[in-house]
């Protein structure tokens, strides 16, 4: 169960970073 929570937290954190990077790229364009 702890592994699932860790994976969910890490995946959500990674997706947030990717989304932020994409939004920054869109603003740059």
PDB file of N, CA and C in Angstrom:
ATOM      1  N   UNK A   1       0.854  -1.209   0.000  1.00  0.00           N
ATOM      2  CA  UNK A   1       0.000   0.000   0.000  1.00  0.00           C
ATOM      3  C   UNK A   1       0.883   1.250   0.000  1.00  0.00           C
ATOM      4  N   UNK A   2       1.924   1.232   0.813  1.00  0.00           N
ATOM      5  CA  UNK A   2       2.805   2.405   0.865  1.00  0.00           C
ATOM      6  C   UNK A   2       3.444   2.624  -0.504  1.00  0.00           C
ATOM      7  N   UNK A   3       3.803   1.537  -1.172  1.00  0.00           N
ATOM      8  CA  UNK A   3       4.414   1.665  -2.492  1.00  0.00           C
ATOM      9  C   UNK A   3       3.455   2.354  -3.451  1.00  0.00           C
ATOM     10  N   UNK A   4       2.188   1.967  -3.403  1.00  0.00           N
ATOM     11  CA  UNK A   4       1.204   2.599  -4.297  1.00  0.00           C
ATOM     12  C   UNK A   4       1.108   4.086  -4.014  1.00  0.00           C
ATOM     13  N   UNK A   5       1.094   4.462  -2.744  1.00  0.00           N
ATOM     14  CA  UNK A   5       0.999   5.883  -2.389  1.00  0.00           C
ATOM     15  C   UNK A   5       2.230   6.622  -2.883  1.00  0.00           C
ATOM     16  N   UNK A   6       3.407   6.032  -2.691  1.00  0.00           N
ATOM     17  CA  UNK A   6       4.642   6.686  -3.141  1.00  0.00           C
ATOM     18  C   UNK A   6       4.631   6.852  -4.655  1.00  0.00           C
ATOM     19  N   UNK A   7       4.217   5.812  -5.362  1.00  0.00           N
ATOM     20  CA  UNK A   7       4.183   5.885  -6.826  1.00  0.00           C
ATOM     21  C   UNK A   7       3.202   6.966  -7.272  1.00  0.00           C
ATOM     22  N   UNK A   8       2.030   7.025  -6.618  1.00  0.00           N
ATOM     23  CA  UNK A   8       1.037   8.037  -6.988  1.00  0.00           C
ATOM     24  C   UNK A   8       1.579   9.438  -6.729  1.00  0.00           C
ATOM     25  N   UNK A   9       2.221   9.638  -5.604  1.00  0.00           N
ATOM     26  CA  UNK A   9       2.766  10.960  -5.264  1.00  0.00           C
ATOM     27  C   UNK A   9       3.867  11.356  -6.240  1.00  0.00           C
ATOM     28  N   UNK A  10       4.781  10.425  -6.511  1.00  0.00           N
ATOM     29  CA  UNK A  10       5.880  10.731  -7.442  1.00  0.00           C
ATOM     30  C   UNK A  10       5.339  11.002  -8.841  1.00  0.00           C
ATOM     31  N   UNK A  11       4.382  10.224  -9.294  1.00  0.00           N
ATOM     32  CA  UNK A  11       3.840  10.424 -10.644  1.00  0.00           C
ATOM     33  C   UNK A  11       3.122  11.767 -10.730  1.00  0.00           C
ATOM     34  N   UNK A  12       2.345  12.119  -9.710  1.00  0.00           N
ATOM     35  CA  UNK A  12       1.636  13.406  -9.731  1.00  0.00           C
ATOM     36  C   UNK A  12       2.644  14.558  -9.701  1.00  0.00           C
ATOM     37  N   UNK A  13       3.711  14.419  -8.915  1.00  0.00           N
ATOM     38  CA  UNK A  13       4.740  15.464  -8.840  1.00  0.00           C
ATOM     39  C   UNK A  13       5.449  15.593 -10.187  1.00  0.00           C
ATOM     40  N   UNK A  14       5.764  14.447 -10.811  1.00  0.00           N
ATOM     41  CA  UNK A  14       6.440  14.476 -12.110  1.00  0.00           C
ATOM     42  C   UNK A  14       5.538  15.120 -13.163  1.00  0.00           C
ATOM     43  N   UNK A  15       4.259  14.751 -13.170  1.00  0.00           N
ATOM     44  CA  UNK A  15       3.329  15.322 -14.148  1.00  0.00           C
ATOM     45  C   UNK A  15       3.196  16.822 -13.935  1.00  0.00           C
ATOM     46  N   UNK A  16       3.187  17.265 -12.684  1.00  0.00           N
ATOM     47  CA  UNK A  16       3.085  18.706 -12.408  1.00  0.00           C
ATOM     48  C   UNK A  16       4.303  19.422 -12.986  1.00  0.00           C
ATOM     49  N   UNK A  17       5.483  18.842 -12.819  1.00  0.00           N
ATOM     50  CA  UNK A  17       6.695  19.467 -13.367  1.00  0.00           C
ATOM     51  C   UNK A  17       6.617  19.518 -14.888  1.00  0.00           C
ATOM     52  N   UNK A  18       6.160  18.430 -15.507  1.00  0.00           N
ATOM     53  CA  UNK A  18       6.069  18.389 -16.976  1.00  0.00           C
ATOM     54  C   UNK A  18       5.064  19.427 -17.458  1.00  0.00           C
ATOM     55  N   UNK A  19       3.913  19.516 -16.793  1.00  0.00           N
ATOM     56  CA  UNK A  19       2.894  20.483 -17.197  1.00  0.00           C
ATOM     57  C   UNK A  19       3.428  21.900 -17.056  1.00  0.00           C
ATOM     58  N   UNK A  20       4.155  22.174 -15.982  1.00  0.00           N
ATOM     59  CA  UNK A  20       4.696  23.516 -15.774  1.00  0.00           C
ATOM     60  C   UNK A  20       5.690  23.841 -16.877  1.00  0.00           C
ATOM     61  N   UNK A  21       6.529  22.853 -17.232  1.00  0.00           N
ATOM     62  CA  UNK A  21       7.516  23.072 -18.285  1.00  0.00           C
ATOM     63  C   UNK A  21       6.805  23.357 -19.611  1.00  0.00           C
ATOM     64  N   UNK A  22       5.753  22.600 -19.910  1.00  0.00           N
ATOM     65  CA  UNK A  22       5.021  22.803 -21.158  1.00  0.00           C
ATOM     66  C   UNK A  22       4.384  24.190 -21.169  1.00  0.00           C
ATOM     67  N   UNK A  23       3.793  24.603 -20.058  1.00  0.00           N
ATOM     68  CA  UNK A  23       3.144  25.914 -19.992  1.00  0.00           C
ATOM     69  C   UNK A  23       4.188  27.013 -20.185  1.00  0.00           C
ATOM     70  N   UNK A  24       5.382  26.824 -19.588  1.00  0.00           N
ATOM     71  CA  UNK A  24       6.445  27.824 -19.756  1.00  0.00           C
ATOM     72  C   UNK A  24       6.866  27.891 -21.219  1.00  0.00           C
ATOM     73  N   UNK A  25       6.951  26.752 -21.884  1.00  0.00           N
ATOM     74  CA  UNK A  25       7.331  26.736 -23.296  1.00  0.00           C
ATOM     75  C   UNK A  25       6.278  27.447 -24.126  1.00  0.00           C
ATOM     76  N   UNK A  26       5.001  27.229 -23.803  1.00  0.00           N
ATOM     77  CA  UNK A  26       3.926  27.897 -24.547  1.00  0.00           C
ATOM     78  C   UNK A  26       4.012  29.402 -24.356  1.00  0.00           C
ATOM     79  N   UNK A  27       4.314  29.843 -23.140  1.00  0.00           N
ATOM     80  CA  UNK A  27       4.436  31.283 -22.893  1.00  0.00           C
ATOM     81  C   UNK A  27       5.615  31.841 -23.676  1.00  0.00           C
ATOM     82  N   UNK A  28       6.697  31.053 -23.762  1.00  0.00           N
ATOM     83  CA  UNK A  28       7.871  31.506 -24.499  1.00  0.00           C
ATOM     84  C   UNK A  28       7.547  31.654 -25.992  1.00  0.00           C
ATOM     85  N   UNK A  29       6.745  30.712 -26.519  1.00  0.00           N
ATOM     86  CA  UNK A  29       6.397  30.794 -27.933  1.00  0.00           C
ATOM     87  C   UNK A  29       5.453  31.955 -28.164  1.00  0.00           C
TER      88      UNK A  29
END
